[in-house]
Amino acid sequence: MIDTEKLKMMVRMIAETREEEIGCVDCYAQLDLFVDQLLEGKHPEEAMPLVEHHLNMCNDCQEEFKALLDALQTSP
């Protein structure tokens, strides 16, 4: 039986595929810089569009991003 939600997610991911993308390893390697820019008030989606796009597509990396952001926002 096909899971309708998984199918919808796959179709969305295919539709949003770009000519140039990065994978999880590259995204993770740039995540600290991405978060630093965000905390400095910069627009990282403009400076780091590939990281932004990957985070929108990948739940695992998005969780890592949120955890790092939360940790840095709550630290003194």
N, C-alpha and C. Protein backbone atom coordinates (compact mmCIF):
# COMPACT_ATOMS: atom_id res chain seq x y z
N MET A 1 0.84 -1.18 0.00
CA MET A 1 0.00 0.00 0.00
C MET A 1 0.89 1.25 0.00
N ILE A 2 0.54 2.22 -0.78
CA ILE A 2 1.30 3.46 -0.91
C ILE A 2 0.86 4.44 0.17
N ASP A 3 1.84 5.00 0.86
CA ASP A 3 1.59 6.03 1.86
C ASP A 3 1.41 7.36 1.12
N THR A 4 0.22 7.92 1.20
CA THR A 4 -0.12 9.13 0.46
C THR A 4 0.77 10.31 0.86
N GLU A 5 1.07 10.44 2.14
CA GLU A 5 1.90 11.55 2.61
C GLU A 5 3.32 11.44 2.07
N LYS A 6 3.88 10.24 2.06
CA LYS A 6 5.23 10.05 1.51
C LYS A 6 5.25 10.35 0.02
N LEU A 7 4.21 9.93 -0.66
CA LEU A 7 4.11 10.20 -2.09
C LEU A 7 4.04 11.70 -2.36
N LYS A 8 3.26 12.41 -1.59
CA LYS A 8 3.15 13.87 -1.74
C LYS A 8 4.50 14.53 -1.50
N MET A 9 5.23 14.06 -0.46
CA MET A 9 6.53 14.62 -0.14
C MET A 9 7.51 14.37 -1.29
N MET A 10 7.49 13.19 -1.86
CA MET A 10 8.39 12.86 -2.97
C MET A 10 8.10 13.73 -4.19
N VAL A 11 6.84 13.94 -4.49
CA VAL A 11 6.45 14.77 -5.63
C VAL A 11 6.90 16.21 -5.39
N ARG A 12 6.73 16.70 -4.17
CA ARG A 12 7.17 18.06 -3.84
C ARG A 12 8.68 18.20 -4.00
N MET A 13 9.41 17.20 -3.52
CA MET A 13 10.87 17.24 -3.62
C MET A 13 11.33 17.23 -5.08
N ILE A 14 10.68 16.44 -5.88
CA ILE A 14 11.03 16.39 -7.31
C ILE A 14 10.74 17.73 -7.96
N ALA A 15 9.61 18.32 -7.63
CA ALA A 15 9.22 19.60 -8.22
C ALA A 15 10.16 20.72 -7.81
N GLU A 16 10.74 20.62 -6.62
CA GLU A 16 11.61 21.68 -6.12
C GLU A 16 13.09 21.42 -6.37
N THR A 17 13.40 20.36 -7.09
CA THR A 17 14.79 20.05 -7.40
C THR A 17 15.38 21.14 -8.27
N ARG A 18 16.61 21.52 -7.93
CA ARG A 18 17.31 22.57 -8.67
C ARG A 18 18.49 21.96 -9.43
N GLU A 19 19.01 22.72 -10.36
CA GLU A 19 20.15 22.26 -11.12
C GLU A 19 21.37 22.09 -10.23
N GLU A 20 21.53 22.99 -9.27
CA GLU A 20 22.65 22.92 -8.34
C GLU A 20 22.12 22.76 -6.93
N GLU A 21 22.53 21.70 -6.25
CA GLU A 21 22.11 21.44 -4.88
C GLU A 21 23.29 20.90 -4.09
N ILE A 22 23.15 20.90 -2.77
CA ILE A 22 24.15 20.28 -1.92
C ILE A 22 23.50 19.14 -1.15
N GLY A 23 24.32 18.22 -0.67
CA GLY A 23 23.84 17.11 0.13
C GLY A 23 23.97 17.40 1.61
N CYS A 24 23.62 16.42 2.40
CA CYS A 24 23.64 16.58 3.85
C CYS A 24 25.05 16.88 4.38
N VAL A 25 26.06 16.22 3.85
CA VAL A 25 27.43 16.42 4.34
C VAL A 25 27.86 17.87 4.13
N ASP A 26 27.62 18.40 2.94
CA ASP A 26 27.98 19.79 2.66
C ASP A 26 27.15 20.77 3.47
N CYS A 27 25.89 20.47 3.63
CA CYS A 27 25.00 21.34 4.42
C CYS A 27 25.48 21.38 5.86
N TYR A 28 25.76 20.22 6.43
CA TYR A 28 26.20 20.14 7.81
C TYR A 28 27.51 20.90 8.01
N ALA A 29 28.40 20.83 7.04
CA ALA A 29 29.69 21.51 7.13
C ALA A 29 29.54 23.03 7.15
N GLN A 30 28.45 23.54 6.59
CA GLN A 30 28.24 24.99 6.51
C GLN A 30 27.21 25.50 7.52
N LEU A 31 26.65 24.59 8.29
CA LEU A 31 25.54 24.94 9.17
C LEU A 31 25.93 25.96 10.23
N ASP A 32 27.14 25.86 10.78
CA ASP A 32 27.54 26.82 11.81
C ASP A 32 27.63 28.24 11.26
N LEU A 33 28.17 28.38 10.05
CA LEU A 33 28.25 29.69 9.41
C LEU A 33 26.85 30.22 9.10
N PHE A 34 25.98 29.36 8.65
CA PHE A 34 24.60 29.73 8.34
C PHE A 34 23.91 30.27 9.59
N VAL A 35 24.06 29.55 10.71
CA VAL A 35 23.44 29.98 11.96
C VAL A 35 24.06 31.28 12.46
N ASP A 36 25.38 31.41 12.36
CA ASP A 36 26.04 32.66 12.76
C ASP A 36 25.48 33.85 12.00
N GLN A 37 25.31 33.69 10.70
CA GLN A 37 24.77 34.78 9.89
C GLN A 37 23.35 35.12 10.31
N LEU A 38 22.58 34.11 10.58
CA LEU A 38 21.20 34.32 11.02
C LEU A 38 21.17 35.08 12.34
N LEU A 39 22.00 34.69 13.29
CA LEU A 39 22.03 35.35 14.60
C LEU A 39 22.57 36.77 14.52
N GLU A 40 23.38 37.06 13.51
CA GLU A 40 23.89 38.42 13.30
C GLU A 40 22.88 39.30 12.57
N GLY A 41 21.73 38.75 12.22
CA GLY A 41 20.70 39.52 11.56
C GLY A 41 20.83 39.58 10.05
N LYS A 42 21.76 38.82 9.52
CA LYS A 42 21.93 38.78 8.07
C LYS A 42 20.88 37.86 7.46
N HIS A 43 20.75 37.93 6.18
CA HIS A 43 19.81 37.08 5.46
C HIS A 43 20.57 35.92 4.83
N PRO A 44 20.75 34.83 5.58
CA PRO A 44 21.56 33.73 5.07
C PRO A 44 20.96 33.05 3.84
N GLU A 45 19.65 33.16 3.68
CA GLU A 45 19.04 32.57 2.49
C GLU A 45 19.51 33.26 1.21
N GLU A 46 19.96 34.50 1.35
CA GLU A 46 20.53 35.20 0.20
C GLU A 46 22.02 34.88 0.06
N ALA A 47 22.72 34.84 1.18
CA ALA A 47 24.15 34.57 1.16
C ALA A 47 24.46 33.09 0.96
N MET A 48 23.59 32.23 1.46
CA MET A 48 23.81 30.78 1.40
C MET A 48 22.54 30.08 0.89
N PRO A 49 22.15 30.36 -0.34
CA PRO A 49 20.89 29.80 -0.85
C PRO A 49 20.88 28.27 -0.94
N LEU A 50 22.03 27.65 -1.16
CA LEU A 50 22.06 26.20 -1.26
C LEU A 50 21.78 25.55 0.10
N VAL A 51 22.31 26.15 1.16
CA VAL A 51 22.04 25.63 2.50
C VAL A 51 20.57 25.83 2.83
N GLU A 52 20.06 27.01 2.56
CA GLU A 52 18.64 27.32 2.81
C GLU A 52 17.74 26.34 2.08
N HIS A 53 18.04 26.10 0.82
CA HIS A 53 17.22 25.18 0.02
C HIS A 53 17.29 23.76 0.60
N HIS A 54 18.49 23.33 0.96
CA HIS A 54 18.63 21.98 1.51
C HIS A 54 17.85 21.84 2.81
N LEU A 55 17.92 22.85 3.66
CA LEU A 55 17.18 22.80 4.93
C LEU A 55 15.67 22.72 4.70
N ASN A 56 15.20 23.35 3.65
CA ASN A 56 13.77 23.28 3.33
C ASN A 56 13.36 21.91 2.81
N MET A 57 14.33 21.15 2.31
CA MET A 57 14.03 19.85 1.71
C MET A 57 14.33 18.68 2.65
N CYS A 58 15.21 18.86 3.62
CA CYS A 58 15.72 17.74 4.41
C CYS A 58 15.36 17.88 5.89
N ASN A 59 14.49 17.03 6.34
CA ASN A 59 14.05 17.10 7.74
C ASN A 59 15.19 16.83 8.72
N ASP A 60 16.09 15.91 8.39
CA ASP A 60 17.19 15.59 9.29
C ASP A 60 18.10 16.80 9.49
N CYS A 61 18.48 17.45 8.42
CA CYS A 61 19.34 18.64 8.54
C CYS A 61 18.59 19.79 9.20
N GLN A 62 17.32 19.88 8.94
CA GLN A 62 16.51 20.93 9.56
C GLN A 62 16.47 20.75 11.08
N GLU A 63 16.41 19.51 11.54
CA GLU A 63 16.44 19.24 12.98
C GLU A 63 17.79 19.65 13.58
N GLU A 64 18.88 19.33 12.88
CA GLU A 64 20.21 19.73 13.34
C GLU A 64 20.32 21.26 13.40
N PHE A 65 19.80 21.92 12.39
CA PHE A 65 19.80 23.39 12.34
C PHE A 65 19.04 23.97 13.53
N LYS A 66 17.85 23.45 13.78
CA LYS A 66 17.04 23.97 14.88
C LYS A 66 17.71 23.73 16.23
N ALA A 67 18.34 22.57 16.40
CA ALA A 67 19.02 22.26 17.65
C ALA A 67 20.19 23.21 17.87
N LEU A 68 20.97 23.45 16.83
CA LEU A 68 22.11 24.36 16.93
C LEU A 68 21.64 25.78 17.21
N LEU A 69 20.63 26.22 16.50
CA LEU A 69 20.08 27.56 16.70
C LEU A 69 19.56 27.72 18.13
N ASP A 70 18.80 26.74 18.61
CA ASP A 70 18.26 26.80 19.97
C ASP A 70 19.39 26.85 21.00
N ALA A 71 20.41 26.04 20.80
CA ALA A 71 21.53 26.00 21.75
C ALA A 71 22.25 27.34 21.81
N LEU A 72 22.46 27.94 20.67
CA LEU A 72 23.17 29.22 20.63
C LEU A 72 22.32 30.38 21.13
N GLN A 73 21.03 30.29 20.93
CA GLN A 73 20.14 31.36 21.40
C GLN A 73 19.97 31.33 22.90
N THR A 74 20.11 30.17 23.52
CA THR A 74 19.90 30.05 24.97
C THR A 74 21.19 30.14 25.76
N SER A 75 22.34 30.08 25.07
CA SER A 75 23.61 30.17 25.79
C SER A 75 23.92 31.63 26.13
N PRO A 76 24.59 31.85 27.30
CA PRO A 76 24.87 33.23 27.73
C PRO A 76 25.91 33.91 26.87
